[in-house]
Amino acid sequence: VQLVESDGGAVQSGGSLRLSCAVSGVTFSSYAMGWFRQAPGKDREFVAATSRNGVSTGYADSVKGRFSISRDNTKKSLYLEMNSLSPEDTAIYYCAAAPGILPSLVYNMEYQYTTWGQGTQVTVSS
């Protein structure tokens, strides 16, 4: 199983970025997917998640209304659209895969995810 995030980037406060994660080696639609992030000196935290079928989504309160998670099961890809970025969003962002029992379940805990990407840096300047 391999998860490969796209390059992140550097933007100014208020800007937007779109992350993608390409998945290979598994039946993508069998996995719920999520994004997590880790800021310098802080623990990794949940950002957003989507169910196996993409119908259900969940977000951390800190990103709700600004970030949007989506997936394309035909392209075996996961996306994170990030808008109204602030310096507090600066972190390494990771995509992760969780074996999904039911098609519509969303997972927001790290231990539920079995496979992780290498991470991509997002930097937001003020």
N, C-alpha and C. Protein backbone atom coordinates (compact mmCIF):
# COMPACT_ATOMS: atom_id res chain seq x y z
N VAL A 1 0.84 -1.19 0.00
CA VAL A 1 0.00 0.00 0.00
C VAL A 1 0.88 1.24 0.00
N GLN A 2 0.56 2.16 -0.87
CA GLN A 2 1.36 3.38 -0.94
C GLN A 2 0.44 4.59 -1.06
N LEU A 3 0.71 5.58 -0.21
CA LEU A 3 0.00 6.85 -0.25
C LEU A 3 1.02 7.93 -0.52
N VAL A 4 0.80 8.71 -1.56
CA VAL A 4 1.75 9.74 -1.94
C VAL A 4 1.03 11.07 -2.05
N GLU A 5 1.40 12.00 -1.15
CA GLU A 5 0.80 13.32 -1.19
C GLU A 5 1.48 14.18 -2.24
N SER A 6 0.71 15.10 -2.78
CA SER A 6 1.27 16.09 -3.69
C SER A 6 2.10 17.09 -2.89
N ASP A 7 2.90 17.85 -3.60
CA ASP A 7 3.64 18.92 -2.93
C ASP A 7 2.67 19.91 -2.30
N GLY A 8 3.01 20.36 -1.10
CA GLY A 8 2.19 21.35 -0.43
C GLY A 8 2.45 22.72 -1.01
N GLY A 9 3.08 23.55 -0.24
CA GLY A 9 3.44 24.85 -0.76
C GLY A 9 3.42 25.91 0.30
N ALA A 10 3.73 27.11 -0.15
CA ALA A 10 3.75 28.27 0.73
C ALA A 10 2.82 29.33 0.19
N VAL A 11 1.95 29.82 1.04
CA VAL A 11 1.00 30.86 0.63
C VAL A 11 0.91 31.92 1.71
N GLN A 12 0.33 33.03 1.34
CA GLN A 12 0.09 34.08 2.32
C GLN A 12 -1.25 33.85 3.00
N SER A 13 -1.37 34.45 4.16
CA SER A 13 -2.61 34.36 4.92
C SER A 13 -3.80 34.78 4.06
N GLY A 14 -4.85 33.98 4.11
CA GLY A 14 -6.02 34.23 3.30
C GLY A 14 -6.02 33.48 1.99
N GLY A 15 -4.91 32.88 1.67
CA GLY A 15 -4.79 32.16 0.41
C GLY A 15 -5.38 30.77 0.45
N SER A 16 -5.23 30.06 -0.65
CA SER A 16 -5.79 28.72 -0.81
C SER A 16 -4.76 27.75 -1.35
N LEU A 17 -4.93 26.50 -1.00
CA LEU A 17 -4.11 25.42 -1.53
C LEU A 17 -4.98 24.18 -1.68
N ARG A 18 -4.58 23.33 -2.60
CA ARG A 18 -5.26 22.05 -2.76
C ARG A 18 -4.23 20.94 -2.68
N LEU A 19 -4.43 20.05 -1.74
CA LEU A 19 -3.57 18.88 -1.60
C LEU A 19 -4.26 17.68 -2.24
N SER A 20 -3.45 16.78 -2.77
CA SER A 20 -3.97 15.53 -3.27
C SER A 20 -3.14 14.38 -2.74
N CYS A 21 -3.72 13.21 -2.75
CA CYS A 21 -3.05 12.01 -2.26
C CYS A 21 -3.40 10.88 -3.21
N ALA A 22 -2.39 10.32 -3.85
CA ALA A 22 -2.59 9.21 -4.77
C ALA A 22 -2.36 7.90 -4.03
N VAL A 23 -3.29 6.98 -4.19
CA VAL A 23 -3.24 5.71 -3.46
C VAL A 23 -3.04 4.56 -4.45
N SER A 24 -2.15 3.65 -4.11
CA SER A 24 -1.91 2.50 -4.95
C SER A 24 -1.71 1.26 -4.08
N GLY A 25 -1.92 0.11 -4.70
CA GLY A 25 -1.66 -1.14 -4.00
C GLY A 25 -2.83 -1.69 -3.22
N VAL A 26 -3.96 -1.00 -3.24
CA VAL A 26 -5.14 -1.47 -2.52
C VAL A 26 -6.39 -1.14 -3.33
N THR A 27 -7.49 -1.75 -2.92
CA THR A 27 -8.78 -1.36 -3.48
C THR A 27 -9.21 -0.10 -2.76
N PHE A 28 -9.03 1.03 -3.42
CA PHE A 28 -9.21 2.33 -2.78
C PHE A 28 -10.57 2.47 -2.12
N SER A 29 -11.60 1.97 -2.78
CA SER A 29 -12.96 2.14 -2.27
C SER A 29 -13.23 1.32 -1.01
N SER A 30 -12.30 0.48 -0.61
CA SER A 30 -12.45 -0.29 0.63
C SER A 30 -11.96 0.46 1.84
N TYR A 31 -11.39 1.64 1.62
CA TYR A 31 -10.78 2.40 2.71
C TYR A 31 -11.45 3.75 2.90
N ALA A 32 -11.75 4.05 4.16
CA ALA A 32 -12.06 5.41 4.53
C ALA A 32 -10.74 6.18 4.54
N MET A 33 -10.81 7.46 4.27
CA MET A 33 -9.57 8.25 4.15
C MET A 33 -9.63 9.49 5.03
N GLY A 34 -8.46 9.95 5.40
CA GLY A 34 -8.41 11.13 6.24
C GLY A 34 -7.17 11.96 6.01
N TRP A 35 -7.23 13.18 6.47
CA TRP A 35 -6.08 14.08 6.50
C TRP A 35 -5.79 14.44 7.95
N PHE A 36 -4.53 14.40 8.30
CA PHE A 36 -4.05 14.84 9.60
C PHE A 36 -2.94 15.85 9.37
N ARG A 37 -2.58 16.56 10.41
CA ARG A 37 -1.47 17.51 10.28
C ARG A 37 -0.70 17.58 11.59
N GLN A 38 0.56 17.97 11.46
CA GLN A 38 1.42 18.14 12.63
C GLN A 38 2.19 19.43 12.50
N ALA A 39 1.92 20.34 13.40
CA ALA A 39 2.63 21.61 13.44
C ALA A 39 3.89 21.46 14.28
N PRO A 40 4.88 22.31 14.08
CA PRO A 40 6.13 22.22 14.85
C PRO A 40 5.86 22.25 16.35
N GLY A 41 6.42 21.27 17.04
CA GLY A 41 6.28 21.22 18.48
C GLY A 41 4.94 20.74 19.00
N LYS A 42 4.09 20.29 18.09
CA LYS A 42 2.76 19.84 18.51
C LYS A 42 2.51 18.41 18.06
N ASP A 43 1.52 17.77 18.69
CA ASP A 43 1.13 16.43 18.29
C ASP A 43 0.38 16.47 16.97
N ARG A 44 0.39 15.34 16.31
CA ARG A 44 -0.39 15.24 15.08
C ARG A 44 -1.88 15.30 15.43
N GLU A 45 -2.64 16.00 14.59
CA GLU A 45 -4.06 16.18 14.88
C GLU A 45 -4.91 15.89 13.65
N PHE A 46 -6.12 15.49 13.92
CA PHE A 46 -7.10 15.22 12.87
C PHE A 46 -7.50 16.51 12.18
N VAL A 47 -7.66 16.43 10.85
CA VAL A 47 -8.10 17.58 10.08
C VAL A 47 -9.46 17.31 9.43
N ALA A 48 -9.51 16.24 8.63
CA ALA A 48 -10.75 15.93 7.90
C ALA A 48 -10.74 14.47 7.51
N ALA A 49 -11.93 13.93 7.28
CA ALA A 49 -12.05 12.54 6.88
C ALA A 49 -13.26 12.35 5.99
N THR A 50 -13.19 11.30 5.18
CA THR A 50 -14.30 10.95 4.32
C THR A 50 -14.52 9.45 4.36
N SER A 51 -15.74 9.04 4.18
CA SER A 51 -16.08 7.62 4.21
C SER A 51 -15.63 6.94 2.93
N ARG A 52 -15.78 5.62 2.93
CA ARG A 52 -15.40 4.85 1.75
C ARG A 52 -16.09 5.33 0.49
N ASN A 53 -17.35 5.65 0.61
CA ASN A 53 -18.12 6.05 -0.57
C ASN A 53 -18.13 7.55 -0.79
N GLY A 54 -17.45 8.29 0.08
CA GLY A 54 -17.37 9.73 -0.09
C GLY A 54 -18.61 10.50 0.30
N VAL A 55 -19.63 9.79 0.75
CA VAL A 55 -20.88 10.46 1.08
C VAL A 55 -20.78 11.20 2.42
N SER A 56 -20.09 10.60 3.36
CA SER A 56 -19.96 11.20 4.70
C SER A 56 -18.60 11.85 4.86
N THR A 57 -18.58 12.99 5.50
CA THR A 57 -17.33 13.68 5.80
C THR A 57 -17.35 14.20 7.23
N GLY A 58 -16.15 14.47 7.75
CA GLY A 58 -16.03 15.04 9.08
C GLY A 58 -14.84 15.98 9.12
N TYR A 59 -14.95 17.00 9.96
CA TYR A 59 -13.90 18.01 10.03
C TYR A 59 -13.59 18.39 11.48
N ALA A 60 -12.34 18.76 11.69
CA ALA A 60 -11.98 19.36 12.97
C ALA A 60 -12.64 20.74 13.03
N ASP A 61 -12.98 21.15 14.22
CA ASP A 61 -13.63 22.45 14.38
C ASP A 61 -12.77 23.58 13.82
N SER A 62 -11.46 23.44 13.93
CA SER A 62 -10.55 24.50 13.51
C SER A 62 -10.55 24.73 12.01
N VAL A 63 -11.04 23.77 11.23
CA VAL A 63 -11.01 23.92 9.78
C VAL A 63 -12.39 23.91 9.16
N LYS A 64 -13.39 23.66 9.97
CA LYS A 64 -14.75 23.57 9.46
C LYS A 64 -15.15 24.87 8.77
N GLY A 65 -15.70 24.74 7.58
CA GLY A 65 -16.11 25.91 6.81
C GLY A 65 -15.01 26.47 5.93
N ARG A 66 -13.78 26.03 6.15
CA ARG A 66 -12.65 26.53 5.34
C ARG A 66 -12.05 25.44 4.48
N PHE A 67 -12.03 24.21 4.99
CA PHE A 67 -11.44 23.08 4.29
C PHE A 67 -12.54 22.17 3.77
N SER A 68 -12.23 21.49 2.67
CA SER A 68 -13.19 20.55 2.09
C SER A 68 -12.44 19.30 1.63
N ILE A 69 -12.88 18.15 2.10
CA ILE A 69 -12.26 16.89 1.72
C ILE A 69 -13.13 16.21 0.67
N SER A 70 -12.48 15.58 -0.28
CA SER A 70 -13.22 14.84 -1.30
C SER A 70 -12.35 13.69 -1.80
N ARG A 71 -12.99 12.78 -2.51
CA ARG A 71 -12.25 11.65 -3.07
C ARG A 71 -12.83 11.28 -4.42
N ASP A 72 -11.97 10.70 -5.23
CA ASP A 72 -12.40 10.18 -6.53
C ASP A 72 -11.99 8.72 -6.57
N ASN A 73 -12.93 7.84 -6.37
CA ASN A 73 -12.60 6.41 -6.30
C ASN A 73 -12.16 5.86 -7.65
N THR A 74 -12.57 6.49 -8.72
CA THR A 74 -12.13 6.02 -10.04
C THR A 74 -10.66 6.37 -10.28
N LYS A 75 -10.20 7.45 -9.67
CA LYS A 75 -8.81 7.87 -9.83
C LYS A 75 -7.96 7.46 -8.63
N LYS A 76 -8.56 6.81 -7.66
CA LYS A 76 -7.85 6.38 -6.45
C LYS A 76 -7.12 7.56 -5.82
N SER A 77 -7.84 8.65 -5.67
CA SER A 77 -7.22 9.87 -5.16
C SER A 77 -8.09 10.54 -4.11
N LEU A 78 -7.39 11.18 -3.18
CA LEU A 78 -8.01 11.94 -2.09
C LEU A 78 -7.57 13.38 -2.23
N TYR A 79 -8.46 14.31 -1.87
CA TYR A 79 -8.14 15.72 -2.02
C TYR A 79 -8.48 16.48 -0.74
N LEU A 80 -7.78 17.59 -0.55
CA LEU A 80 -8.10 18.52 0.54
C LEU A 80 -8.01 19.93 -0.01
N GLU A 81 -9.14 20.57 -0.14
CA GLU A 81 -9.20 21.96 -0.58
C GLU A 81 -9.15 22.84 0.65
N MET A 82 -8.15 23.72 0.70
CA MET A 82 -7.95 24.56 1.89
C MET A 82 -8.08 26.03 1.49
N ASN A 83 -9.02 26.70 2.11
CA ASN A 83 -9.27 28.11 1.83
C ASN A 83 -9.10 28.94 3.10
N SER A 84 -8.99 30.23 2.91
CA SER A 84 -8.84 31.16 4.04
C SER A 84 -7.76 30.69 5.00
N LEU A 85 -6.64 30.32 4.45
CA LEU A 85 -5.55 29.80 5.26
C LEU A 85 -4.97 30.86 6.18
N SER A 86 -4.56 30.42 7.35
CA SER A 86 -3.92 31.31 8.32
C SER A 86 -2.60 30.68 8.76
N PRO A 87 -1.73 31.47 9.39
CA PRO A 87 -0.45 30.90 9.86
C PRO A 87 -0.65 29.70 10.78
N GLU A 88 -1.77 29.63 11.46
CA GLU A 88 -2.04 28.49 12.35
C GLU A 88 -2.24 27.19 11.58
N ASP A 89 -2.42 27.27 10.30
CA ASP A 89 -2.57 26.07 9.47
C ASP A 89 -1.23 25.53 9.00
N THR A 90 -0.15 26.23 9.31
CA THR A 90 1.18 25.77 8.94
C THR A 90 1.48 24.45 9.62
N ALA A 91 1.81 23.43 8.83
CA ALA A 91 2.05 22.10 9.38
C ALA A 91 2.47 21.16 8.26
N ILE A 92 2.89 19.99 8.66
CA ILE A 92 3.05 18.90 7.70
C ILE A 92 1.71 18.17 7.65
N TYR A 93 1.19 18.00 6.46
CA TYR A 93 -0.10 17.36 6.25
C TYR A 93 0.09 15.94 5.74
N TYR A 94 -0.64 15.01 6.37
CA TYR A 94 -0.55 13.60 6.04
C TYR A 94 -1.90 13.07 5.58
N CYS A 95 -1.90 12.27 4.52
CA CYS A 95 -3.11 11.53 4.21
C CYS A 95 -2.95 10.13 4.81
N ALA A 96 -4.09 9.52 5.12
CA ALA A 96 -4.07 8.24 5.78
C ALA A 96 -5.29 7.41 5.36
N ALA A 97 -5.13 6.10 5.42
CA ALA A 97 -6.17 5.17 5.01
C ALA A 97 -6.59 4.29 6.17
N ALA A 98 -7.90 4.12 6.31
CA ALA A 98 -8.46 3.28 7.38
C ALA A 98 -9.35 2.21 6.76
N PRO A 99 -9.09 0.94 7.09
CA PRO A 99 -9.99 -0.11 6.56
C PRO A 99 -11.42 0.19 6.97
N GLY A 100 -12.31 0.31 6.01
CA GLY A 100 -13.68 0.71 6.30
C GLY A 100 -14.61 -0.48 6.34
N ILE A 101 -15.26 -0.66 7.49
CA ILE A 101 -16.20 -1.77 7.62
C ILE A 101 -17.48 -1.47 6.86
N LEU A 102 -17.99 -0.27 7.07
CA LEU A 102 -19.22 0.14 6.40
C LEU A 102 -18.93 1.30 5.46
N PRO A 103 -19.63 1.38 4.35
CA PRO A 103 -19.30 2.39 3.33
C PRO A 103 -19.44 3.84 3.79
N SER A 104 -20.28 4.09 4.78
CA SER A 104 -20.58 5.48 5.12
C SER A 104 -19.93 5.95 6.43
N LEU A 105 -19.09 5.13 7.03
CA LEU A 105 -18.46 5.52 8.29
C LEU A 105 -17.27 6.43 8.08
N VAL A 106 -17.12 7.39 8.99
CA VAL A 106 -16.00 8.32 8.98
C VAL A 106 -15.19 8.10 10.25
N TYR A 107 -13.88 8.18 10.14
CA TYR A 107 -13.01 7.93 11.28
C TYR A 107 -12.16 9.17 11.56
N ASN A 108 -12.06 9.56 12.81
CA ASN A 108 -11.28 10.75 13.14
C ASN A 108 -10.18 10.51 14.17
N MET A 109 -9.89 9.25 14.44
CA MET A 109 -8.84 8.93 15.41
C MET A 109 -7.65 8.30 14.71
N GLU A 110 -6.46 8.72 15.13
CA GLU A 110 -5.24 8.22 14.49
C GLU A 110 -5.15 6.70 14.48
N TYR A 111 -5.54 6.08 15.60
CA TYR A 111 -5.33 4.64 15.73
C TYR A 111 -6.20 3.86 14.73
N GLN A 112 -7.19 4.50 14.17
CA GLN A 112 -8.07 3.83 13.22
C GLN A 112 -7.44 3.75 11.82
N TYR A 113 -6.38 4.48 11.62
CA TYR A 113 -5.73 4.54 10.32
C TYR A 113 -4.49 3.64 10.32
N THR A 114 -4.41 2.79 9.30
CA THR A 114 -3.35 1.79 9.26
C THR A 114 -2.21 2.15 8.31
N THR A 115 -2.46 3.05 7.39
CA THR A 115 -1.45 3.38 6.39
C THR A 115 -1.38 4.89 6.23
N TRP A 116 -0.14 5.40 6.15
CA TRP A 116 0.08 6.84 6.12
C TRP A 116 0.98 7.24 4.97
N GLY A 117 0.75 8.43 4.45
CA GLY A 117 1.66 8.99 3.48
C GLY A 117 2.88 9.58 4.17
N GLN A 118 3.79 10.11 3.37
CA GLN A 118 5.05 10.63 3.91
C GLN A 118 4.91 12.06 4.43
N GLY A 119 3.83 12.70 4.09
CA GLY A 119 3.59 14.06 4.56
C GLY A 119 4.06 15.10 3.56
N THR A 120 3.40 16.24 3.60
CA THR A 120 3.76 17.36 2.73
C THR A 120 3.64 18.66 3.51
N GLN A 121 4.60 19.54 3.31
CA GLN A 121 4.66 20.77 4.10
C GLN A 121 3.75 21.85 3.53
N VAL A 122 2.96 22.44 4.40
CA VAL A 122 2.16 23.61 4.05
C VAL A 122 2.59 24.74 4.98
N THR A 123 2.97 25.85 4.37
CA THR A 123 3.43 27.01 5.14
C THR A 123 2.59 28.22 4.78
N VAL A 124 2.02 28.85 5.79
CA VAL A 124 1.19 30.03 5.58
C VAL A 124 1.84 31.20 6.31
N SER A 125 2.15 32.23 5.57
CA SER A 125 2.80 33.40 6.16
C SER A 125 1.78 34.52 6.36
N SER A 126 2.07 35.33 7.36
CA SER A 126 1.14 36.43 7.68
C SER A 126 1.44 37.67 6.87
